[in-house]
């Protein structure tokens, strides 16, 4: 089973979390040793991963295929022919 690719939002939130949490933890802990910096970096990466995985994913749902309702067959209606005009009859002179 292939892993889904991370979305742009997941990458952005995770990256920002790693950067800002690293700076915050380094400033708050005031560590200068290599081991302390490594612990802070690993903790920031774990926190960034956690944030990236909890960002709600956009649900791409396939559009529902709507089938048109069946229609009644169309019947061509031909109008009845108009009655032929009667020839004009002239009265015979009497």
N, C-alpha and C. Protein backbone atom coordinates (compact mmCIF):
# COMPACT_ATOMS: atom_id res chain seq x y z
N UNK A 1 0.86 -1.17 0.00
CA UNK A 1 0.00 0.00 0.00
C UNK A 1 0.90 1.23 0.00
N UNK A 2 0.69 2.12 -0.94
CA UNK A 2 1.52 3.32 -1.07
C UNK A 2 1.07 4.38 -0.08
N UNK A 3 2.05 5.09 0.45
CA UNK A 3 1.74 6.17 1.37
C UNK A 3 1.23 7.37 0.58
N UNK A 4 0.21 8.04 1.08
CA UNK A 4 -0.27 9.23 0.37
C UNK A 4 0.73 10.37 0.51
N UNK A 5 0.81 11.20 -0.49
CA UNK A 5 1.73 12.33 -0.45
C UNK A 5 1.19 13.39 0.51
N UNK A 6 2.09 14.07 1.22
CA UNK A 6 1.62 15.14 2.11
C UNK A 6 1.11 16.33 1.31
N UNK A 7 0.12 16.98 1.84
CA UNK A 7 -0.42 18.16 1.17
C UNK A 7 0.45 19.36 1.46
N UNK A 8 0.20 20.44 0.75
CA UNK A 8 0.97 21.67 0.97
C UNK A 8 0.74 22.21 2.37
N UNK A 9 -0.46 22.08 2.87
CA UNK A 9 -0.76 22.56 4.23
C UNK A 9 0.01 21.75 5.27
N UNK A 10 0.10 20.45 5.09
CA UNK A 10 0.84 19.62 6.02
C UNK A 10 2.32 19.99 6.03
N UNK A 11 2.89 20.20 4.85
CA UNK A 11 4.30 20.57 4.77
C UNK A 11 4.54 21.93 5.43
N UNK A 12 3.65 22.88 5.17
CA UNK A 12 3.83 24.22 5.72
C UNK A 12 3.70 24.22 7.24
N UNK A 13 2.66 23.60 7.76
CA UNK A 13 2.46 23.58 9.21
C UNK A 13 3.58 22.82 9.92
N UNK A 14 3.98 21.70 9.36
CA UNK A 14 5.04 20.91 9.97
C UNK A 14 6.37 21.65 9.98
N UNK A 15 6.71 22.29 8.86
CA UNK A 15 7.97 23.03 8.77
C UNK A 15 7.99 24.21 9.73
N UNK A 16 6.91 24.96 9.76
CA UNK A 16 6.85 26.11 10.67
C UNK A 16 6.94 25.66 12.13
N UNK A 17 6.30 24.56 12.44
CA UNK A 17 6.35 24.05 13.81
C UNK A 17 7.77 23.66 14.19
N UNK A 18 8.48 22.98 13.30
CA UNK A 18 9.85 22.58 13.59
C UNK A 18 10.73 23.80 13.82
N UNK A 19 10.63 24.78 12.94
CA UNK A 19 11.50 25.97 13.04
C UNK A 19 11.21 26.75 14.31
N UNK A 20 9.95 27.09 14.53
CA UNK A 20 9.61 27.94 15.68
C UNK A 20 9.80 27.21 17.01
N UNK A 21 9.46 25.92 17.05
CA UNK A 21 9.64 25.21 18.31
C UNK A 21 11.12 25.00 18.63
N UNK A 22 11.95 24.84 17.60
CA UNK A 22 13.40 24.73 17.85
C UNK A 22 13.94 26.01 18.46
N UNK A 23 13.61 27.14 17.85
CA UNK A 23 14.07 28.42 18.40
C UNK A 23 13.55 28.64 19.82
N UNK A 24 12.27 28.36 20.04
CA UNK A 24 11.69 28.58 21.36
C UNK A 24 12.34 27.69 22.41
N UNK A 25 12.53 26.42 22.09
CA UNK A 25 13.13 25.52 23.08
C UNK A 25 14.60 25.85 23.33
N UNK A 26 15.32 26.28 22.30
CA UNK A 26 16.72 26.67 22.51
C UNK A 26 16.82 27.94 23.36
N UNK A 27 15.92 28.88 23.12
CA UNK A 27 15.94 30.11 23.93
C UNK A 27 15.52 29.85 25.36
N UNK A 28 14.51 29.01 25.55
CA UNK A 28 14.02 28.75 26.90
C UNK A 28 14.98 27.86 27.70
N UNK A 29 15.60 26.89 27.03
CA UNK A 29 16.48 25.99 27.77
C UNK A 29 17.88 26.57 27.97
N UNK A 30 18.26 27.53 27.14
CA UNK A 30 19.58 28.18 27.19
C UNK A 30 20.71 27.15 27.18
N UNK A 31 20.52 26.11 26.42
CA UNK A 31 21.55 25.07 26.33
C UNK A 31 22.61 25.46 25.31
N UNK A 32 23.82 25.03 25.55
CA UNK A 32 24.89 25.31 24.60
C UNK A 32 25.68 24.04 24.29
N UNK A 33 25.33 22.95 24.95
CA UNK A 33 26.04 21.70 24.70
C UNK A 33 25.48 21.02 23.45
N UNK A 34 26.29 20.21 22.83
CA UNK A 34 25.86 19.49 21.63
C UNK A 34 24.74 18.51 21.90
N UNK A 35 24.79 17.86 23.07
CA UNK A 35 23.75 16.89 23.41
C UNK A 35 22.41 17.59 23.65
N UNK A 36 22.45 18.73 24.29
CA UNK A 36 21.21 19.49 24.55
C UNK A 36 20.58 19.98 23.26
N UNK A 37 21.41 20.46 22.33
CA UNK A 37 20.90 20.93 21.04
C UNK A 37 20.32 19.76 20.25
N UNK A 38 20.95 18.59 20.33
CA UNK A 38 20.44 17.40 19.63
C UNK A 38 19.09 16.98 20.19
N UNK A 39 18.95 17.03 21.51
CA UNK A 39 17.66 16.67 22.13
C UNK A 39 16.57 17.65 21.70
N UNK A 40 16.90 18.95 21.68
CA UNK A 40 15.92 19.96 21.26
C UNK A 40 15.54 19.74 19.80
N UNK A 41 16.52 19.44 18.95
CA UNK A 41 16.24 19.23 17.53
C UNK A 41 15.35 18.01 17.31
N UNK A 42 15.62 16.94 18.01
CA UNK A 42 14.80 15.73 17.87
C UNK A 42 13.38 15.98 18.38
N UNK A 43 13.27 16.70 19.49
CA UNK A 43 11.94 17.02 20.04
C UNK A 43 11.17 17.92 19.07
N UNK A 44 11.85 18.88 18.45
CA UNK A 44 11.18 19.77 17.50
C UNK A 44 10.73 19.00 16.26
N UNK A 45 11.55 18.08 15.79
CA UNK A 45 11.15 17.26 14.64
C UNK A 45 9.95 16.39 14.96
N UNK A 46 9.94 15.81 16.15
CA UNK A 46 8.79 14.98 16.56
C UNK A 46 7.52 15.83 16.65
N UNK A 47 7.66 17.03 17.21
CA UNK A 47 6.50 17.92 17.33
C UNK A 47 6.01 18.35 15.95
N UNK A 48 6.94 18.65 15.04
CA UNK A 48 6.54 19.02 13.68
C UNK A 48 5.85 17.90 12.95
N UNK A 49 6.33 16.68 13.16
CA UNK A 49 5.67 15.52 12.54
C UNK A 49 4.27 15.33 13.10
N UNK A 50 4.14 15.49 14.39
CA UNK A 50 2.82 15.36 15.02
C UNK A 50 1.85 16.40 14.48
N UNK A 51 2.31 17.65 14.37
CA UNK A 51 1.43 18.70 13.85
C UNK A 51 1.06 18.42 12.39
N UNK A 52 2.04 18.01 11.60
CA UNK A 52 1.77 17.75 10.18
C UNK A 52 0.77 16.61 9.99
N UNK A 53 0.83 15.62 10.85
CA UNK A 53 -0.08 14.48 10.70
C UNK A 53 -1.48 14.77 11.20
N UNK A 54 -1.64 15.78 12.06
CA UNK A 54 -2.97 16.08 12.59
C UNK A 54 -3.67 17.19 11.83
N UNK A 55 -3.01 17.77 10.82
CA UNK A 55 -3.69 18.77 9.98
C UNK A 55 -4.78 18.05 9.22
N UNK A 56 -6.01 18.59 9.27
CA UNK A 56 -7.09 17.90 8.56
C UNK A 56 -6.81 17.84 7.07
N UNK A 57 -6.98 16.67 6.52
CA UNK A 57 -6.76 16.47 5.10
C UNK A 57 -7.99 16.93 4.34
N UNK A 58 -7.74 17.49 3.16
CA UNK A 58 -8.88 17.86 2.32
C UNK A 58 -9.45 16.57 1.76
N UNK A 59 -10.72 16.40 1.92
CA UNK A 59 -11.38 15.19 1.47
C UNK A 59 -11.76 15.36 0.01
N UNK A 60 -11.02 14.69 -0.85
CA UNK A 60 -11.34 14.75 -2.27
C UNK A 60 -12.29 13.61 -2.58
N UNK A 61 -13.52 13.95 -2.63
CA UNK A 61 -14.53 12.93 -2.92
C UNK A 61 -14.89 13.02 -4.39
N UNK A 62 -15.03 11.90 -5.02
CA UNK A 62 -15.41 11.96 -6.43
C UNK A 62 -16.82 12.51 -6.55
N UNK A 63 -17.00 13.32 -7.54
CA UNK A 63 -18.31 13.92 -7.75
C UNK A 63 -19.32 12.82 -8.05
N UNK A 64 -20.46 12.96 -7.44
CA UNK A 64 -21.51 11.97 -7.66
C UNK A 64 -21.99 12.07 -9.11
N UNK A 65 -22.07 10.94 -9.72
CA UNK A 65 -22.54 10.92 -11.10
C UNK A 65 -24.05 10.91 -11.06
N UNK A 66 -24.61 11.98 -11.58
CA UNK A 66 -26.06 12.07 -11.61
C UNK A 66 -26.54 11.66 -12.99
N UNK A 67 -27.37 10.70 -12.98
CA UNK A 67 -27.93 10.25 -14.25
C UNK A 67 -29.26 10.95 -14.46
N UNK A 68 -29.50 11.41 -15.66
CA UNK A 68 -30.78 12.09 -15.89
C UNK A 68 -31.94 11.11 -15.74
N UNK A 69 -33.03 11.65 -15.25
CA UNK A 69 -34.22 10.82 -15.08
C UNK A 69 -34.69 10.36 -16.46
N UNK A 70 -35.16 9.13 -16.52
CA UNK A 70 -35.64 8.66 -17.82
C UNK A 70 -36.83 9.49 -18.28
N UNK A 71 -36.80 9.83 -19.52
CA UNK A 71 -37.87 10.66 -20.07
C UNK A 71 -38.83 9.79 -20.88
N UNK A 72 -40.04 10.28 -20.95
CA UNK A 72 -41.01 9.60 -21.79
C UNK A 72 -40.62 9.83 -23.25
N UNK A 73 -40.82 8.86 -24.10
CA UNK A 73 -40.43 9.07 -25.49
C UNK A 73 -41.20 10.23 -26.10
N UNK A 74 -40.51 10.99 -26.89
CA UNK A 74 -41.14 12.14 -27.54
C UNK A 74 -41.82 11.65 -28.81
N UNK A 75 -43.08 11.98 -28.91
CA UNK A 75 -43.83 11.57 -30.09
C UNK A 75 -44.10 12.81 -30.93
N UNK A 76 -43.72 12.70 -32.15
CA UNK A 76 -43.94 13.83 -33.04
C UNK A 76 -45.42 13.90 -33.37
N UNK A 77 -45.97 15.05 -33.16
CA UNK A 77 -47.38 15.20 -33.49
C UNK A 77 -47.49 16.05 -34.74
N UNK A 78 -48.16 15.52 -35.70
CA UNK A 78 -48.37 16.22 -36.96
C UNK A 78 -49.78 16.76 -36.94
N UNK A 79 -49.88 18.07 -37.12
CA UNK A 79 -51.24 18.62 -37.09
C UNK A 79 -52.06 18.09 -38.27
N UNK A 80 -53.35 17.97 -38.02
CA UNK A 80 -54.25 17.50 -39.08
C UNK A 80 -54.24 18.53 -40.20
N UNK A 81 -54.30 18.05 -41.42
CA UNK A 81 -54.28 19.02 -42.53
C UNK A 81 -55.50 19.93 -42.48
N UNK A 82 -55.27 21.16 -42.79
CA UNK A 82 -56.37 22.12 -42.79
C UNK A 82 -57.31 21.77 -43.95
N UNK A 83 -58.59 21.93 -43.72
CA UNK A 83 -59.51 21.60 -44.82
C UNK A 83 -59.23 22.50 -46.04
N UNK A 84 -59.32 21.90 -47.17
CA UNK A 84 -59.06 22.64 -48.40
C UNK A 84 -60.15 23.69 -48.57
N UNK A 85 -59.77 24.83 -48.97
CA UNK A 85 -60.79 25.87 -49.17
C UNK A 85 -61.76 25.45 -50.29
N UNK A 86 -63.00 25.73 -50.06
CA UNK A 86 -64.00 25.38 -51.08
C UNK A 86 -63.89 26.36 -52.24
N UNK A 87 -64.08 25.84 -53.42
CA UNK A 87 -64.02 26.78 -54.55
C UNK A 87 -65.16 27.80 -54.48
N UNK A 88 -64.88 28.95 -54.93
CA UNK A 88 -65.91 30.03 -54.91
C UNK A 88 -66.93 29.73 -55.99
N UNK A 89 -68.18 29.72 -55.55
CA UNK A 89 -69.25 29.46 -56.51
C UNK A 89 -70.00 30.76 -56.74
N UNK A 90 -70.12 31.04 -57.92
CA UNK A 90 -70.84 32.27 -58.26
C UNK A 90 -72.29 31.90 -58.49
N UNK A 91 -73.13 32.83 -58.11
CA UNK A 91 -74.54 32.58 -58.35
C UNK A 91 -74.83 32.74 -59.84
N UNK A 92 -75.60 31.88 -60.25
CA UNK A 92 -75.99 31.97 -61.66
C UNK A 92 -76.98 33.13 -61.81
N UNK A 93 -76.84 33.85 -62.84
CA UNK A 93 -77.74 34.98 -63.06
C UNK A 93 -79.13 34.42 -63.40
N UNK A 94 -80.07 34.98 -62.78
CA UNK A 94 -81.39 34.48 -63.09
C UNK A 94 -82.20 35.47 -63.82
